[in-house]
Amino acid sequence: MQCLRSKKLFWFSRIRHRYPNELRADLQRYYGVNFDHVGTLVSVAHVAALSACLPLGSLVLRKIEPKTTYTETEWLLLGILNRLSDKPYDPFAPRKRPKHLALSVRDMEAILSKPRQGVKHDN
């Protein structure tokens, strides 16, 4: 039992130093614990246990592992979507970005000065 407690305290100490603002927000958001009361109204061991059980989607876990950005509900919805579609969607697959065209000002003016298709000119 002491080993589990020391692991939680180590985890709490590590994230408290690396992500203090995120931890403060998560403790307030999920557990209603004011971080300023740790050590006085709330024991450090209790907060360490709470911080070790932060849910998916919490700010601390997002910083540590981007895959935890999504909550359990969103993972379930993604599973349903992938079962219904022909091509499964992977939210972590690298996206293909469009290539940017490098045109000179003269070339851009030439392209923009051409008449548009489907637009009637009165002159």
C-alpha atoms as a PDB file:
ATOM      1  CA  MET A   1       0.000   0.000   0.000  1.00  0.00           C
ATOM      2  CA  GLN A   2       2.889   2.350   0.788  1.00  0.00           C
ATOM      3  CA  CYS A   3       4.365   1.725  -2.686  1.00  0.00           C
ATOM      4  CA  LEU A   4       1.149   2.849  -4.400  1.00  0.00           C
ATOM      5  CA  ARG A   5       1.017   5.950  -2.249  1.00  0.00           C
ATOM      6  CA  SER A   6       4.604   6.888  -3.074  1.00  0.00           C
ATOM      7  CA  LYS A   7       3.938   6.424  -6.813  1.00  0.00           C
ATOM      8  CA  LYS A   8       0.952   8.768  -6.594  1.00  0.00           C
ATOM      9  CA  LEU A   9       2.973  11.317  -4.661  1.00  0.00           C
ATOM     10  CA  PHE A  10       5.761  11.112  -7.239  1.00  0.00           C
ATOM     11  CA  TRP A  11       3.229  11.568 -10.064  1.00  0.00           C
ATOM     12  CA  PHE A  12       1.637  14.517  -8.262  1.00  0.00           C
ATOM     13  CA  SER A  13       5.006  16.148  -7.617  1.00  0.00           C
ATOM     14  CA  ARG A  14       6.058  15.751 -11.237  1.00  0.00           C
ATOM     15  CA  ILE A  15       2.915  17.196 -12.799  1.00  0.00           C
ATOM     16  CA  ARG A  16       2.685  19.930 -10.167  1.00  0.00           C
ATOM     17  CA  HIS A  17       6.064  21.240 -11.317  1.00  0.00           C
ATOM     18  CA  ARG A  18       5.606  20.660 -15.046  1.00  0.00           C
ATOM     19  CA  TYR A  19       1.963  21.698 -15.499  1.00  0.00           C
ATOM     20  CA  PRO A  20       0.927  23.785 -12.478  1.00  0.00           C
ATOM     21  CA  ASN A  21      -1.810  25.798 -14.204  1.00  0.00           C
ATOM     22  CA  GLU A  22      -3.330  22.790 -15.913  1.00  0.00           C
ATOM     23  CA  LEU A  23      -3.314  20.803 -12.658  1.00  0.00           C
ATOM     24  CA  ARG A  24      -4.942  23.676 -10.784  1.00  0.00           C
ATOM     25  CA  ALA A  25      -7.682  23.934 -13.428  1.00  0.00           C
ATOM     26  CA  ASP A  26      -8.274  20.168 -13.565  1.00  0.00           C
ATOM     27  CA  LEU A  27      -8.537  19.776  -9.791  1.00  0.00           C
ATOM     28  CA  GLN A  28     -11.094  22.578  -9.667  1.00  0.00           C
ATOM     29  CA  ARG A  29     -13.000  21.427 -12.766  1.00  0.00           C
ATOM     30  CA  TYR A  30     -13.287  17.723 -12.049  1.00  0.00           C
ATOM     31  CA  TYR A  31     -13.115  17.488  -8.266  1.00  0.00           C
ATOM     32  CA  GLY A  32     -13.980  20.956  -6.947  1.00  0.00           C
ATOM     33  CA  VAL A  33     -10.683  21.114  -5.056  1.00  0.00           C
ATOM     34  CA  ASN A  34      -9.081  24.522  -4.649  1.00  0.00           C
ATOM     35  CA  PHE A  35      -5.350  24.083  -5.139  1.00  0.00           C
ATOM     36  CA  ASP A  36      -4.659  26.771  -2.521  1.00  0.00           C
ATOM     37  CA  HIS A  37      -6.194  24.490   0.134  1.00  0.00           C
ATOM     38  CA  VAL A  38      -3.822  21.581  -0.514  1.00  0.00           C
ATOM     39  CA  GLY A  39      -1.955  20.812   2.699  1.00  0.00           C
ATOM     40  CA  THR A  40      -4.456  22.644   4.913  1.00  0.00           C
ATOM     41  CA  LEU A  41      -8.073  21.681   4.184  1.00  0.00           C
ATOM     42  CA  VAL A  42      -7.210  18.871   1.767  1.00  0.00           C
ATOM     43  CA  SER A  43      -4.340  16.458   2.325  1.00  0.00           C
ATOM     44  CA  VAL A  44      -1.527  16.139  -0.172  1.00  0.00           C
ATOM     45  CA  ALA A  45      -2.072  12.371  -0.339  1.00  0.00           C
ATOM     46  CA  HIS A  46      -5.736  12.899  -1.265  1.00  0.00           C
ATOM     47  CA  VAL A  47      -4.880  15.380  -4.026  1.00  0.00           C
ATOM     48  CA  ALA A  48      -2.140  13.043  -5.268  1.00  0.00           C
ATOM     49  CA  ALA A  49      -4.705  10.249  -5.556  1.00  0.00           C
ATOM     50  CA  LEU A  50      -7.118  12.561  -7.388  1.00  0.00           C
ATOM     51  CA  SER A  51      -4.434  13.756  -9.784  1.00  0.00           C
ATOM     52  CA  ALA A  52      -3.484  10.154 -10.588  1.00  0.00           C
ATOM     53  CA  CYS A  53      -7.086   9.527 -11.662  1.00  0.00           C
ATOM     54  CA  LEU A  54      -7.660  12.487 -13.934  1.00  0.00           C
ATOM     55  CA  PRO A  55     -10.112  11.577 -16.707  1.00  0.00           C
ATOM     56  CA  LEU A  56      -9.494  11.578 -20.445  1.00  0.00           C
ATOM     57  CA  GLY A  57      -9.767  15.090 -21.821  1.00  0.00           C
ATOM     58  CA  SER A  58      -8.162  16.726 -18.782  1.00  0.00           C
ATOM     59  CA  LEU A  59      -5.664  19.499 -19.448  1.00  0.00           C
ATOM     60  CA  VAL A  60      -2.775  17.696 -17.734  1.00  0.00           C
ATOM     61  CA  LEU A  61      -3.231  14.522 -19.755  1.00  0.00           C
ATOM     62  CA  ARG A  62      -3.536  16.530 -22.970  1.00  0.00           C
ATOM     63  CA  LYS A  63      -0.112  18.031 -22.303  1.00  0.00           C
ATOM     64  CA  ILE A  64       1.438  14.629 -21.584  1.00  0.00           C
ATOM     65  CA  GLU A  65      -0.193  12.644 -24.403  1.00  0.00           C
ATOM     66  CA  PRO A  66      -2.170  14.268 -27.247  1.00  0.00           C
ATOM     67  CA  LYS A  67      -4.265  11.119 -27.749  1.00  0.00           C
ATOM     68  CA  THR A  68      -5.955  11.808 -24.416  1.00  0.00           C
ATOM     69  CA  THR A  69      -7.441  15.016 -25.810  1.00  0.00           C
ATOM     70  CA  TYR A  70     -10.599  13.110 -26.624  1.00  0.00           C
ATOM     71  CA  THR A  71     -13.017  12.049 -23.902  1.00  0.00           C
ATOM     72  CA  GLU A  72     -14.494   8.551 -23.589  1.00  0.00           C
ATOM     73  CA  THR A  73     -17.700   9.773 -25.255  1.00  0.00           C
ATOM     74  CA  GLU A  74     -15.780  11.108 -28.236  1.00  0.00           C
ATOM     75  CA  TRP A  75     -13.868   7.819 -28.577  1.00  0.00           C
ATOM     76  CA  LEU A  76     -17.160   5.915 -28.558  1.00  0.00           C
ATOM     77  CA  LEU A  77     -18.616   8.226 -31.203  1.00  0.00           C
ATOM     78  CA  LEU A  78     -15.485   7.781 -33.329  1.00  0.00           C
ATOM     79  CA  GLY A  79     -15.890   4.005 -33.046  1.00  0.00           C
ATOM     80  CA  ILE A  80     -19.513   4.244 -34.196  1.00  0.00           C
ATOM     81  CA  LEU A  81     -18.529   6.537 -37.072  1.00  0.00           C
ATOM     82  CA  ASN A  82     -15.790   4.145 -38.200  1.00  0.00           C
ATOM     83  CA  ARG A  83     -18.156   1.160 -38.080  1.00  0.00           C
ATOM     84  CA  LEU A  84     -20.665   2.976 -40.287  1.00  0.00           C
ATOM     85  CA  SER A  85     -18.229   4.377 -42.840  1.00  0.00           C
ATOM     86  CA  ASP A  86     -16.339   2.599 -45.591  1.00  0.00           C
ATOM     87  CA  LYS A  87     -13.060   4.330 -44.799  1.00  0.00           C
ATOM     88  CA  PRO A  88     -12.194   4.525 -41.077  1.00  0.00           C
ATOM     89  CA  TYR A  89     -11.170   7.943 -39.800  1.00  0.00           C
ATOM     90  CA  ASP A  90      -7.908   8.192 -37.877  1.00  0.00           C
ATOM     91  CA  PRO A  91      -7.708  11.483 -35.955  1.00  0.00           C
ATOM     92  CA  PHE A  92      -3.952  11.047 -35.489  1.00  0.00           C
ATOM     93  CA  ALA A  93      -3.008  10.372 -39.099  1.00  0.00           C
ATOM     94  CA  PRO A  94      -0.851  13.091 -40.613  1.00  0.00           C
ATOM     95  CA  ARG A  95      -2.852  15.445 -42.782  1.00  0.00           C
ATOM     96  CA  LYS A  96      -1.866  16.311 -46.328  1.00  0.00           C
ATOM     97  CA  ARG A  97      -1.501  20.049 -46.562  1.00  0.00           C
ATOM     98  CA  PRO A  98      -2.135  21.864 -49.828  1.00  0.00           C
ATOM     99  CA  LYS A  99       0.913  23.113 -51.618  1.00  0.00           C
ATOM    100  CA  HIS A 100       1.281  26.859 -51.746  1.00  0.00           C
ATOM    101  CA  LEU A 101       1.785  28.438 -55.121  1.00  0.00           C
ATOM    102  CA  ALA A 102       4.640  30.845 -55.513  1.00  0.00           C
ATOM    103  CA  LEU A 103       3.654  33.383 -58.153  1.00  0.00           C
ATOM    104  CA  SER A 104       5.196  36.667 -59.043  1.00  0.00           C
ATOM    105  CA  VAL A 105       3.082  39.803 -58.896  1.00  0.00           C
ATOM    106  CA  ARG A 106       3.060  39.991 -62.699  1.00  0.00           C
ATOM    107  CA  ASP A 107       1.815  36.382 -63.025  1.00  0.00           C
ATOM    108  CA  MET A 108      -0.854  36.941 -60.381  1.00  0.00           C
ATOM    109  CA  GLU A 109      -2.086  40.088 -62.161  1.00  0.00           C
ATOM    110  CA  ALA A 110      -2.232  38.167 -65.449  1.00  0.00           C
ATOM    111  CA  ILE A 111      -4.333  35.397 -63.885  1.00  0.00           C
ATOM    112  CA  LEU A 112      -6.681  37.813 -62.148  1.00  0.00           C
ATOM    113  CA  SER A 113      -7.145  40.005 -65.237  1.00  0.00           C
ATOM    114  CA  LYS A 114      -8.506  37.116 -67.320  1.00  0.00           C
ATOM    115  CA  PRO A 115     -12.294  37.105 -67.786  1.00  0.00           C
ATOM    116  CA  ARG A 116     -14.113  34.804 -65.415  1.00  0.00           C
ATOM    117  CA  GLN A 117     -16.062  31.917 -66.842  1.00  0.00           C
ATOM    118  CA  GLY A 118     -19.774  32.148 -66.285  1.00  0.00           C
ATOM    119  CA  VAL A 119     -19.685  35.886 -65.586  1.00  0.00           C
ATOM    120  CA  LYS A 120     -21.381  38.084 -68.162  1.00  0.00           C
ATOM    121  CA  HIS A 121     -19.697  41.365 -69.018  1.00  0.00           C
ATOM    122  CA  ASP A 122     -21.853  44.361 -69.977  1.00  0.00           C
ATOM    123  CA  ASN A 123     -19.092  46.242 -71.806  1.00  0.00           C
END
